């Protein structure tokens, strides 16, 4: 069928930037996010951050303390759009081919470059 595809060439979205920093460099992440609150309920840790980026209002993590895994990532942008990513079956350290993320345009695709 017909797909509308947006190709980001100018700026990486704030949520993606936050996630990349979180997983790639903890020190960089913590330099750009201030911890607002931490709460433990049973074996789950809830952490809320205040981002220094102006296009993000809130960033939060839910962590399974027993498994030492991130269970979910939450984000509220500057126009109050709430995004939540639920993670499961996370396999850290497993190499993934960069081709997995390559966009292959189909004939019927309408591509918008931003």
PDB file of N, CA and C in Angstrom:
ATOM      1  N   UNK A   1       0.798  -1.188   0.000  1.00  0.00           N
ATOM      2  CA  UNK A   1       0.000   0.000   0.000  1.00  0.00           C
ATOM      3  C   UNK A   1       0.838   1.247   0.000  1.00  0.00           C
ATOM      4  N   UNK A   2       0.168   2.352   0.067  1.00  0.00           N
ATOM      5  CA  UNK A   2       0.798   3.674   0.061  1.00  0.00           C
ATOM      6  C   UNK A   2       1.269   4.031   1.469  1.00  0.00           C
ATOM      7  N   UNK A   3       2.540   4.393   1.592  1.00  0.00           N
ATOM      8  CA  UNK A   3       3.088   4.799   2.893  1.00  0.00           C
ATOM      9  C   UNK A   3       3.577   6.233   2.810  1.00  0.00           C
ATOM     10  N   UNK A   4       3.401   6.984   3.905  1.00  0.00           N
ATOM     11  CA  UNK A   4       4.009   8.305   4.033  1.00  0.00           C
ATOM     12  C   UNK A   4       5.191   8.126   4.970  1.00  0.00           C
ATOM     13  N   UNK A   5       6.372   8.503   4.512  1.00  0.00           N
ATOM     14  CA  UNK A   5       7.593   8.301   5.272  1.00  0.00           C
ATOM     15  C   UNK A   5       8.273   9.644   5.461  1.00  0.00           C
ATOM     16  N   UNK A   6       8.635   9.965   6.713  1.00  0.00           N
ATOM     17  CA  UNK A   6       9.376  11.184   6.994  1.00  0.00           C
ATOM     18  C   UNK A   6      10.827  10.809   7.255  1.00  0.00           C
ATOM     19  N   UNK A   7      11.726  11.400   6.487  1.00  0.00           N
ATOM     20  CA  UNK A   7      13.151  11.167   6.645  1.00  0.00           C
ATOM     21  C   UNK A   7      13.733  12.383   7.351  1.00  0.00           C
ATOM     22  N   UNK A   8      14.296  12.174   8.541  1.00  0.00           N
ATOM     23  CA  UNK A   8      14.851  13.276   9.322  1.00  0.00           C
ATOM     24  C   UNK A   8      16.303  13.508   8.913  1.00  0.00           C
ATOM     25  N   UNK A   9      16.564  14.680   8.372  1.00  0.00           N
ATOM     26  CA  UNK A   9      17.922  14.989   7.939  1.00  0.00           C
ATOM     27  C   UNK A   9      18.512  16.183   8.685  1.00  0.00           C
ATOM     28  N   UNK A  10      17.658  16.994   9.300  1.00  0.00           N
ATOM     29  CA  UNK A  10      18.132  18.210   9.949  1.00  0.00           C
ATOM     30  C   UNK A  10      18.428  18.034  11.432  1.00  0.00           C
ATOM     31  N   UNK A  11      17.516  17.411  12.153  1.00  0.00           N
ATOM     32  CA  UNK A  11      17.626  17.392  13.602  1.00  0.00           C
ATOM     33  C   UNK A  11      17.087  16.074  14.136  1.00  0.00           C
ATOM     34  N   UNK A  12      17.798  15.498  15.100  1.00  0.00           N
ATOM     35  CA  UNK A  12      17.343  14.268  15.726  1.00  0.00           C
ATOM     36  C   UNK A  12      16.266  14.608  16.743  1.00  0.00           C
ATOM     37  N   UNK A  13      15.142  13.883  16.766  1.00  0.00           N
ATOM     38  CA  UNK A  13      14.084  14.166  17.744  1.00  0.00           C
ATOM     39  C   UNK A  13      14.595  14.066  19.179  1.00  0.00           C
ATOM     40  N   UNK A  14      14.023  14.880  20.056  1.00  0.00           N
ATOM     41  CA  UNK A  14      14.479  14.962  21.443  1.00  0.00           C
ATOM     42  C   UNK A  14      14.423  13.612  22.159  1.00  0.00           C
ATOM     43  N   UNK A  15      13.365  12.852  21.948  1.00  0.00           N
ATOM     44  CA  UNK A  15      13.261  11.553  22.608  1.00  0.00           C
ATOM     45  C   UNK A  15      14.390  10.641  22.177  1.00  0.00           C
ATOM     46  N   UNK A  16      14.659  10.596  20.894  1.00  0.00           N
ATOM     47  CA  UNK A  16      15.729   9.743  20.391  1.00  0.00           C
ATOM     48  C   UNK A  16      17.078  10.185  20.937  1.00  0.00           C
ATOM     49  N   UNK A  17      17.299  11.484  20.980  1.00  0.00           N
ATOM     50  CA  UNK A  17      18.544  12.012  21.529  1.00  0.00           C
ATOM     51  C   UNK A  17      18.715  11.575  22.980  1.00  0.00           C
ATOM     52  N   UNK A  18      17.652  11.704  23.787  1.00  0.00           N
ATOM     53  CA  UNK A  18      17.712  11.304  25.192  1.00  0.00           C
ATOM     54  C   UNK A  18      17.998   9.830  25.363  1.00  0.00           C
ATOM     55  N   UNK A  19      17.351   8.997  24.565  1.00  0.00           N
ATOM     56  CA  UNK A  19      17.560   7.547  24.654  1.00  0.00           C
ATOM     57  C   UNK A  19      18.981   7.185  24.244  1.00  0.00           C
ATOM     58  N   UNK A  20      19.481   7.787  23.169  1.00  0.00           N
ATOM     59  CA  UNK A  20      20.846   7.498  22.728  1.00  0.00           C
ATOM     60  C   UNK A  20      21.863   7.871  23.801  1.00  0.00           C
ATOM     61  N   UNK A  21      21.667   9.011  24.429  1.00  0.00           N
ATOM     62  CA  UNK A  21      22.588   9.429  25.489  1.00  0.00           C
ATOM     63  C   UNK A  21      22.484   8.508  26.696  1.00  0.00           C
ATOM     64  N   UNK A  22      21.273   8.084  27.011  1.00  0.00           N
ATOM     65  CA  UNK A  22      21.063   7.193  28.142  1.00  0.00           C
ATOM     66  C   UNK A  22      21.835   5.893  27.964  1.00  0.00           C
ATOM     67  N   UNK A  23      21.745   5.302  26.777  1.00  0.00           N
ATOM     68  CA  UNK A  23      22.370   4.007  26.547  1.00  0.00           C
ATOM     69  C   UNK A  23      23.832   4.089  26.135  1.00  0.00           C
ATOM     70  N   UNK A  24      24.290   5.228  25.653  1.00  0.00           N
ATOM     71  CA  UNK A  24      25.662   5.292  25.169  1.00  0.00           C
ATOM     72  C   UNK A  24      26.637   5.902  26.166  1.00  0.00           C
ATOM     73  N   UNK A  25      26.187   6.872  26.947  1.00  0.00           N
ATOM     74  CA  UNK A  25      27.121   7.541  27.852  1.00  0.00           C
ATOM     75  C   UNK A  25      26.362   8.095  29.056  1.00  0.00           C
ATOM     76  N   UNK A  26      26.425   7.385  30.169  1.00  0.00           N
ATOM     77  CA  UNK A  26      25.680   7.770  31.370  1.00  0.00           C
ATOM     78  C   UNK A  26      26.071   9.157  31.871  1.00  0.00           C
ATOM     79  N   UNK A  27      27.365   9.504  31.792  1.00  0.00           N
ATOM     80  CA  UNK A  27      27.810  10.816  32.277  1.00  0.00           C
ATOM     81  C   UNK A  27      27.211  11.950  31.451  1.00  0.00           C
ATOM     82  N   UNK A  28      27.178  11.768  30.126  1.00  0.00           N
ATOM     83  CA  UNK A  28      26.587  12.788  29.254  1.00  0.00           C
ATOM     84  C   UNK A  28      25.095  12.910  29.540  1.00  0.00           C
ATOM     85  N   UNK A  29      24.430  11.767  29.690  1.00  0.00           N
ATOM     86  CA  UNK A  29      22.994  11.774  29.999  1.00  0.00           C
ATOM     87  C   UNK A  29      22.734  12.558  31.285  1.00  0.00           C
ATOM     88  N   UNK A  30      23.476  12.251  32.340  1.00  0.00           N
ATOM     89  CA  UNK A  30      23.253  12.916  33.627  1.00  0.00           C
ATOM     90  C   UNK A  30      23.669  14.380  33.617  1.00  0.00           C
ATOM     91  N   UNK A  31      24.507  14.786  32.667  1.00  0.00           N
ATOM     92  CA  UNK A  31      24.864  16.203  32.571  1.00  0.00           C
ATOM     93  C   UNK A  31      23.749  17.004  31.896  1.00  0.00           C
ATOM     94  N   UNK A  32      22.867  16.322  31.174  1.00  0.00           N
ATOM     95  CA  UNK A  32      21.791  17.011  30.460  1.00  0.00           C
ATOM     96  C   UNK A  32      20.410  16.783  31.065  1.00  0.00           C
ATOM     97  N   UNK A  33      20.339  15.943  32.104  1.00  0.00           N
ATOM     98  CA  UNK A  33      19.082  15.648  32.774  1.00  0.00           C
ATOM     99  C   UNK A  33      19.295  15.707  34.284  1.00  0.00           C
ATOM    100  N   UNK A  34      18.459  16.456  34.964  1.00  0.00           N
ATOM    101  CA  UNK A  34      18.524  16.555  36.421  1.00  0.00           C
ATOM    102  C   UNK A  34      17.491  15.606  37.016  1.00  0.00           C
ATOM    103  N   UNK A  35      17.903  14.825  38.011  1.00  0.00           N
ATOM    104  CA  UNK A  35      16.966  13.914  38.670  1.00  0.00           C
ATOM    105  C   UNK A  35      16.014  14.727  39.548  1.00  0.00           C
ATOM    106  N   UNK A  36      14.702  14.621  39.268  1.00  0.00           N
ATOM    107  CA  UNK A  36      13.693  15.326  40.058  1.00  0.00           C
ATOM    108  C   UNK A  36      13.176  14.461  41.201  1.00  0.00           C
ATOM    109  N   UNK A  37      12.961  13.166  40.914  1.00  0.00           N
ATOM    110  CA  UNK A  37      12.437  12.287  41.953  1.00  0.00           C
ATOM    111  C   UNK A  37      12.787  10.839  41.666  1.00  0.00           C
ATOM    112  N   UNK A  38      12.887  10.078  42.740  1.00  0.00           N
ATOM    113  CA  UNK A  38      13.095   8.633  42.672  1.00  0.00           C
ATOM    114  C   UNK A  38      12.140   8.005  43.675  1.00  0.00           C
ATOM    115  N   UNK A  39      11.427   6.963  43.239  1.00  0.00           N
ATOM    116  CA  UNK A  39      10.478   6.290  44.117  1.00  0.00           C
ATOM    117  C   UNK A  39      10.551   4.798  43.846  1.00  0.00           C
ATOM    118  N   UNK A  40      10.642   4.012  44.907  1.00  0.00           N
ATOM    119  CA  UNK A  40      10.658   2.564  44.769  1.00  0.00           C
ATOM    120  C   UNK A  40       9.341   1.997  45.285  1.00  0.00           C
ATOM    121  N   UNK A  41       8.710   1.164  44.462  1.00  0.00           N
ATOM    122  CA  UNK A  41       7.499   0.452  44.843  1.00  0.00           C
ATOM    123  C   UNK A  41       7.787  -1.021  44.563  1.00  0.00           C
ATOM    124  N   UNK A  42       7.753  -1.820  45.629  1.00  0.00           N
ATOM    125  CA  UNK A  42       8.128  -3.230  45.526  1.00  0.00           C
ATOM    126  C   UNK A  42       9.541  -3.312  44.943  1.00  0.00           C
ATOM    127  N   UNK A  43       9.692  -3.941  43.789  1.00  0.00           N
ATOM    128  CA  UNK A  43      11.009  -4.100  43.178  1.00  0.00           C
ATOM    129  C   UNK A  43      11.182  -3.212  41.952  1.00  0.00           C
ATOM    130  N   UNK A  44      10.355  -2.164  41.862  1.00  0.00           N
ATOM    131  CA  UNK A  44      10.393  -1.266  40.705  1.00  0.00           C
ATOM    132  C   UNK A  44      10.815   0.135  41.146  1.00  0.00           C
ATOM    133  N   UNK A  45      11.771   0.699  40.421  1.00  0.00           N
ATOM    134  CA  UNK A  45      12.253   2.054  40.682  1.00  0.00           C
ATOM    135  C   UNK A  45      11.711   2.982  39.598  1.00  0.00           C
ATOM    136  N   UNK A  46      11.089   4.086  40.024  1.00  0.00           N
ATOM    137  CA  UNK A  46      10.563   5.102  39.109  1.00  0.00           C
ATOM    138  C   UNK A  46      11.426   6.350  39.269  1.00  0.00           C
ATOM    139  N   UNK A  47      12.011   6.819  38.167  1.00  0.00           N
ATOM    140  CA  UNK A  47      12.871   7.998  38.209  1.00  0.00           C
ATOM    141  C   UNK A  47      12.337   9.022  37.221  1.00  0.00           C
ATOM    142  N   UNK A  48      12.180  10.259  37.706  1.00  0.00           N
ATOM    143  CA  UNK A  48      11.714  11.347  36.849  1.00  0.00           C
ATOM    144  C   UNK A  48      12.847  12.357  36.715  1.00  0.00           C
ATOM    145  N   UNK A  49      13.083  12.801  35.477  1.00  0.00           N
ATOM    146  CA  UNK A  49      14.169  13.725  35.179  1.00  0.00           C
ATOM    147  C   UNK A  49      13.616  15.024  34.609  1.00  0.00           C
ATOM    148  N   UNK A  50      14.350  16.107  34.849  1.00  0.00           N
ATOM    149  CA  UNK A  50      14.052  17.383  34.200  1.00  0.00           C
ATOM    150  C   UNK A  50      15.129  17.591  33.142  1.00  0.00           C
ATOM    151  N   UNK A  51      14.735  17.601  31.870  1.00  0.00           N
ATOM    152  CA  UNK A  51      15.711  17.800  30.792  1.00  0.00           C
ATOM    153  C   UNK A  51      16.148  19.257  30.694  1.00  0.00           C
ATOM    154  N   UNK A  52      17.388  19.466  30.275  1.00  0.00           N
ATOM    155  CA  UNK A  52      17.868  20.822  30.033  1.00  0.00           C
ATOM    156  C   UNK A  52      17.436  21.323  28.654  1.00  0.00           C
ATOM    157  N   UNK A  53      17.065  20.373  27.776  1.00  0.00           N
ATOM    158  CA  UNK A  53      16.608  20.749  26.434  1.00  0.00           C
ATOM    159  C   UNK A  53      15.255  21.451  26.529  1.00  0.00           C
ATOM    160  N   UNK A  54      15.073  22.518  25.758  1.00  0.00           N
ATOM    161  CA  UNK A  54      13.837  23.286  25.807  1.00  0.00           C
ATOM    162  C   UNK A  54      12.670  22.583  25.120  1.00  0.00           C
ATOM    163  N   UNK A  55      12.961  21.622  24.236  1.00  0.00           N
ATOM    164  CA  UNK A  55      11.874  20.949  23.525  1.00  0.00           C
ATOM    165  C   UNK A  55      11.401  19.699  24.261  1.00  0.00           C
ATOM    166  N   UNK A  56      11.827  19.547  25.508  1.00  0.00           N
ATOM    167  CA  UNK A  56      11.405  18.418  26.336  1.00  0.00           C
ATOM    168  C   UNK A  56      11.011  18.933  27.711  1.00  0.00           C
ATOM    169  N   UNK A  57       9.849  18.509  28.206  1.00  0.00           N
ATOM    170  CA  UNK A  57       9.399  18.922  29.534  1.00  0.00           C
ATOM    171  C   UNK A  57       9.729  17.888  30.598  1.00  0.00           C
ATOM    172  N   UNK A  58       9.714  16.612  30.206  1.00  0.00           N
ATOM    173  CA  UNK A  58       9.860  15.550  31.192  1.00  0.00           C
ATOM    174  C   UNK A  58      10.444  14.315  30.532  1.00  0.00           C
ATOM    175  N   UNK A  59      11.245  13.573  31.299  1.00  0.00           N
ATOM    176  CA  UNK A  59      11.814  12.303  30.836  1.00  0.00           C
ATOM    177  C   UNK A  59      11.786  11.376  32.041  1.00  0.00           C
ATOM    178  N   UNK A  60      11.270  10.165  31.872  1.00  0.00           N
ATOM    179  CA  UNK A  60      11.175   9.266  33.022  1.00  0.00           C
ATOM    180  C   UNK A  60      11.578   7.843  32.651  1.00  0.00           C
ATOM    181  N   UNK A  61      12.052   7.129  33.657  1.00  0.00           N
ATOM    182  CA  UNK A  61      12.450   5.734  33.494  1.00  0.00           C
ATOM    183  C   UNK A  61      11.765   4.891  34.551  1.00  0.00           C
ATOM    184  N   UNK A  62      11.392   3.677  34.179  1.00  0.00           N
ATOM    185  CA  UNK A  62      10.904   2.680  35.121  1.00  0.00           C
ATOM    186  C   UNK A  62      11.892   1.523  35.039  1.00  0.00           C
ATOM    187  N   UNK A  63      12.443   1.144  36.195  1.00  0.00           N
ATOM    188  CA  UNK A  63      13.517   0.152  36.225  1.00  0.00           C
ATOM    189  C   UNK A  63      13.137  -1.008  37.138  1.00  0.00           C
ATOM    190  N   UNK A  64      13.309  -2.216  36.636  1.00  0.00           N
ATOM    191  CA  UNK A  64      13.138  -3.424  37.448  1.00  0.00           C
ATOM    192  C   UNK A  64      14.430  -3.600  38.225  1.00  0.00           C
ATOM    193  N   UNK A  65      14.378  -3.336  39.531  1.00  0.00           N
ATOM    194  CA  UNK A  65      15.586  -3.374  40.357  1.00  0.00           C
ATOM    195  C   UNK A  65      16.153  -4.782  40.496  1.00  0.00           C
ATOM    196  N   UNK A  66      15.292  -5.768  40.481  1.00  0.00           N
ATOM    197  CA  UNK A  66      15.752  -7.144  40.636  1.00  0.00           C
ATOM    198  C   UNK A  66      16.524  -7.615  39.398  1.00  0.00           C
ATOM    199  N   UNK A  67      15.978  -7.322  38.227  1.00  0.00           N
ATOM    200  CA  UNK A  67      16.623  -7.730  36.973  1.00  0.00           C
ATOM    201  C   UNK A  67      17.651  -6.712  36.484  1.00  0.00           C
ATOM    202  N   UNK A  68      17.618  -5.501  37.091  1.00  0.00           N
ATOM    203  CA  UNK A  68      18.487  -4.392  36.686  1.00  0.00           C
ATOM    204  C   UNK A  68      18.281  -4.061  35.209  1.00  0.00           C
ATOM    205  N   UNK A  69      16.995  -3.922  34.834  1.00  0.00           N
ATOM    206  CA  UNK A  69      16.618  -3.616  33.457  1.00  0.00           C
ATOM    207  C   UNK A  69      15.661  -2.430  33.410  1.00  0.00           C
ATOM    208  N   UNK A  70      15.788  -1.635  32.349  1.00  0.00           N
ATOM    209  CA  UNK A  70      14.829  -0.567  32.102  1.00  0.00           C
ATOM    210  C   UNK A  70      13.573  -1.199  31.520  1.00  0.00           C
ATOM    211  N   UNK A  71      12.433  -0.944  32.164  1.00  0.00           N
ATOM    212  CA  UNK A  71      11.154  -1.524  31.753  1.00  0.00           C
ATOM    213  C   UNK A  71      10.405  -0.573  30.822  1.00  0.00           C
ATOM    214  N   UNK A  72      10.504   0.733  31.099  1.00  0.00           N
ATOM    215  CA  UNK A  72       9.845   1.706  30.234  1.00  0.00           C
ATOM    216  C   UNK A  72      10.561   3.047  30.276  1.00  0.00           C
ATOM    217  N   UNK A  73      10.361   3.800  29.201  1.00  0.00           N
ATOM    218  CA  UNK A  73      10.909   5.146  29.055  1.00  0.00           C
ATOM    219  C   UNK A  73       9.744   6.049  28.696  1.00  0.00           C
ATOM    220  N   UNK A  74       9.613   7.149  29.423  1.00  0.00           N
ATOM    221  CA  UNK A  74       8.541   8.099  29.155  1.00  0.00           C
ATOM    222  C   UNK A  74       9.097   9.461  28.813  1.00  0.00           C
ATOM    223  N   UNK A  75       8.304  10.251  28.106  1.00  0.00           N
ATOM    224  CA  UNK A  75       8.774  11.526  27.600  1.00  0.00           C
ATOM    225  C   UNK A  75       7.584  12.436  27.332  1.00  0.00           C
ATOM    226  N   UNK A  76       7.693  13.686  27.745  1.00  0.00           N
ATOM    227  CA  UNK A  76       6.686  14.698  27.408  1.00  0.00           C
ATOM    228  C   UNK A  76       7.429  15.826  26.701  1.00  0.00           C
ATOM    229  N   UNK A  77       6.966  16.172  25.487  1.00  0.00           N
ATOM    230  CA  UNK A  77       7.647  17.225  24.740  1.00  0.00           C
ATOM    231  C   UNK A  77       7.066  18.600  25.049  1.00  0.00           C
ATOM    232  N   UNK A  78       7.574  19.608  24.361  1.00  0.00           N
ATOM    233  CA  UNK A  78       7.198  20.993  24.634  1.00  0.00           C
ATOM    234  C   UNK A  78       5.766  21.339  24.243  1.00  0.00           C
ATOM    235  N   UNK A  79       5.077  20.469  23.509  1.00  0.00           N
ATOM    236  CA  UNK A  79       3.668  20.703  23.175  1.00  0.00           C
ATOM    237  C   UNK A  79       2.773  19.685  23.885  1.00  0.00           C
ATOM    238  N   UNK A  80       3.288  19.130  24.980  1.00  0.00           N
ATOM    239  CA  UNK A  80       2.578  18.197  25.860  1.00  0.00           C
ATOM    240  C   UNK A  80       2.176  16.870  25.212  1.00  0.00           C
ATOM    241  N   UNK A  81       2.934  16.449  24.200  1.00  0.00           N
ATOM    242  CA  UNK A  81       2.724  15.125  23.624  1.00  0.00           C
ATOM    243  C   UNK A  81       3.463  14.122  24.487  1.00  0.00           C
ATOM    244  N   UNK A  82       2.723  13.138  24.997  1.00  0.00           N
ATOM    245  CA  UNK A  82       3.333  12.137  25.875  1.00  0.00           C
ATOM    246  C   UNK A  82       3.646  10.879  25.057  1.00  0.00           C
ATOM    247  N   UNK A  83       4.877  10.417  25.172  1.00  0.00           N
ATOM    248  CA  UNK A  83       5.323   9.209  24.493  1.00  0.00           C
ATOM    249  C   UNK A  83       5.824   8.235  25.542  1.00  0.00           C
ATOM    250  N   UNK A  84       5.446   6.989  25.395  1.00  0.00           N
ATOM    251  CA  UNK A  84       5.882   5.957  26.338  1.00  0.00           C
ATOM    252  C   UNK A  84       6.367   4.747  25.547  1.00  0.00           C
ATOM    253  N   UNK A  85       7.541   4.266  25.891  1.00  0.00           N
ATOM    254  CA  UNK A  85       8.098   3.075  25.266  1.00  0.00           C
ATOM    255  C   UNK A  85       8.174   1.978  26.315  1.00  0.00           C
ATOM    256  N   UNK A  86       7.511   0.878  26.057  1.00  0.00           N
ATOM    257  CA  UNK A  86       7.552  -0.272  26.958  1.00  0.00           C
ATOM    258  C   UNK A  86       8.581  -1.249  26.402  1.00  0.00           C
ATOM    259  N   UNK A  87       9.552  -1.648  27.221  1.00  0.00           N
ATOM    260  CA  UNK A  87      10.623  -2.524  26.773  1.00  0.00           C
ATOM    261  C   UNK A  87      10.433  -3.928  27.333  1.00  0.00           C
ATOM    262  N   UNK A  88      10.725  -4.923  26.489  1.00  0.00           N
ATOM    263  CA  UNK A  88      10.678  -6.308  26.948  1.00  0.00           C
ATOM    264  C   UNK A  88      11.695  -7.112  26.153  1.00  0.00           C
ATOM    265  N   UNK A  89      12.118  -8.200  26.725  1.00  0.00           N
ATOM    266  CA  UNK A  89      13.082  -9.087  26.078  1.00  0.00           C
ATOM    267  C   UNK A  89      14.300  -8.309  25.587  1.00  0.00           C
ATOM    268  N   UNK A  90      14.838  -7.441  26.455  1.00  0.00           N
ATOM    269  CA  UNK A  90      15.991  -6.612  26.120  1.00  0.00           C
ATOM    270  C   UNK A  90      17.247  -7.476  26.165  1.00  0.00           C
ATOM    271  N   UNK A  91      18.028  -7.397  25.113  1.00  0.00           N
ATOM    272  CA  UNK A  91      19.273  -8.169  25.032  1.00  0.00           C
ATOM    273  C   UNK A  91      20.432  -7.207  24.846  1.00  0.00           C
ATOM    274  N   UNK A  92      21.067  -6.844  25.929  1.00  0.00           N
ATOM    275  CA  UNK A  92      22.179  -5.907  25.869  1.00  0.00           C
ATOM    276  C   UNK A  92      23.432  -6.615  25.365  1.00  0.00           C
ATOM    277  N   UNK A  93      24.244  -5.876  24.648  1.00  0.00           N
ATOM    278  CA  UNK A  93      25.497  -6.414  24.156  1.00  0.00           C
ATOM    279  C   UNK A  93      25.374  -7.213  22.879  1.00  0.00           C
ATOM    280  N   UNK A  94      24.162  -7.437  22.414  1.00  0.00           N
ATOM    281  CA  UNK A  94      23.973  -8.190  21.174  1.00  0.00           C
ATOM    282  C   UNK A  94      24.178  -7.244  20.001  1.00  0.00           C
ATOM    283  N   UNK A  95      25.031  -7.617  19.077  1.00  0.00           N
ATOM    284  CA  UNK A  95      25.308  -6.786  17.903  1.00  0.00           C
ATOM    285  C   UNK A  95      24.147  -6.876  16.926  1.00  0.00           C
ATOM    286  N   UNK A  96      23.750  -5.719  16.422  1.00  0.00           N
ATOM    287  CA  UNK A  96      22.674  -5.636  15.440  1.00  0.00           C
ATOM    288  C   UNK A  96      23.250  -4.981  14.196  1.00  0.00           C
ATOM    289  N   UNK A  97      22.993  -5.554  13.059  1.00  0.00           N
ATOM    290  CA  UNK A  97      23.488  -5.000  11.799  1.00  0.00           C
ATOM    291  C   UNK A  97      22.880  -3.621  11.561  1.00  0.00           C
ATOM    292  N   UNK A  98      23.694  -2.698  11.082  1.00  0.00           N
ATOM    293  CA  UNK A  98      23.180  -1.358  10.769  1.00  0.00           C
ATOM    294  C   UNK A  98      22.159  -1.419   9.641  1.00  0.00           C
ATOM    295  N   UNK A  99      22.191  -2.457   8.842  1.00  0.00           N
ATOM    296  CA  UNK A  99      21.218  -2.618   7.758  1.00  0.00           C
ATOM    297  C   UNK A  99      19.802  -2.785   8.301  1.00  0.00           C
ATOM    298  N   UNK A 100      19.687  -3.211   9.554  1.00  0.00           N
ATOM    299  CA  UNK A 100      18.374  -3.354  10.177  1.00  0.00           C
ATOM    300  C   UNK A 100      17.629  -2.032  10.161  1.00  0.00           C
ATOM    301  N   UNK A 101      18.351  -0.923  10.229  1.00  0.00           N
ATOM    302  CA  UNK A 101      17.744   0.396  10.335  1.00  0.00           C
ATOM    303  C   UNK A 101      17.777   1.182   9.024  1.00  0.00           C
ATOM    304  N   UNK A 102      18.248   0.577   7.946  1.00  0.00           N
ATOM    305  CA  UNK A 102      18.280   1.250   6.654  1.00  0.00           C
ATOM    306  C   UNK A 102      16.864   1.372   6.095  1.00  0.00           C
ATOM    307  N   UNK A 103      16.562   2.542   5.573  1.00  0.00           N
ATOM    308  CA  UNK A 103      15.275   2.772   4.930  1.00  0.00           C
ATOM    309  C   UNK A 103      15.395   2.399   3.456  1.00  0.00           C
ATOM    310  N   UNK A 104      14.556   1.488   3.033  1.00  0.00           N
ATOM    311  CA  UNK A 104      14.520   1.094   1.634  1.00  0.00           C
ATOM    312  C   UNK A 104      13.191   1.584   1.063  1.00  0.00           C
ATOM    313  N   UNK A 105      13.291   2.561   0.189  1.00  0.00           N
ATOM    314  CA  UNK A 105      12.094   3.185  -0.358  1.00  0.00           C
ATOM    315  C   UNK A 105      11.403   2.258  -1.353  1.00  0.00           C
ATOM    316  N   UNK A 106      10.082   2.175  -1.214  1.00  0.00           N
ATOM    317  CA  UNK A 106       9.268   1.424  -2.154  1.00  0.00           C
ATOM    318  C   UNK A 106       8.686   2.395  -3.169  1.00  0.00           C
ATOM    319  N   UNK A 107       8.283   1.895  -4.322  1.00  0.00           N
ATOM    320  CA  UNK A 107       7.779   2.753  -5.408  1.00  0.00           C
ATOM    321  C   UNK A 107       6.611   3.630  -4.973  1.00  0.00           C
ATOM    322  N   UNK A 108       5.718   3.112  -4.158  1.00  0.00           N
ATOM    323  CA  UNK A 108       4.510   3.846  -3.765  1.00  0.00           C
ATOM    324  C   UNK A 108       4.735   4.811  -2.586  1.00  0.00           C
ATOM    325  N   UNK A 109       5.935   4.824  -2.016  1.00  0.00           N
ATOM    326  CA  UNK A 109       6.205   5.675  -0.848  1.00  0.00           C
ATOM    327  C   UNK A 109       6.187   7.161  -1.196  1.00  0.00           C
ATOM    328  N   UNK A 110       5.568   7.922  -0.320  1.00  0.00           N
ATOM    329  CA  UNK A 110       5.647   9.383  -0.390  1.00  0.00           C
ATOM    330  C   UNK A 110       6.641   9.801   0.680  1.00  0.00           C
ATOM    331  N   UNK A 111       7.806  10.307   0.264  1.00  0.00           N
ATOM    332  CA  UNK A 111       8.882  10.622   1.210  1.00  0.00           C
ATOM    333  C   UNK A 111       8.919  12.116   1.461  1.00  0.00           C
ATOM    334  N   UNK A 112       8.912  12.479   2.745  1.00  0.00           N
ATOM    335  CA  UNK A 112       8.998  13.881   3.160  1.00  0.00           C
ATOM    336  C   UNK A 112      10.325  14.046   3.898  1.00  0.00           C
ATOM    337  N   UNK A 113      11.157  14.957   3.435  1.00  0.00           N
ATOM    338  CA  UNK A 113      12.458  15.194   4.079  1.00  0.00           C
ATOM    339  C   UNK A 113      12.329  16.361   5.046  1.00  0.00           C
ATOM    340  N   UNK A 114      12.720  16.147   6.291  1.00  0.00           N
ATOM    341  CA  UNK A 114      12.693  17.215   7.310  1.00  0.00           C
ATOM    342  C   UNK A 114      14.064  17.405   7.872  1.00  0.00           C
TER     343      UNK A 114
END
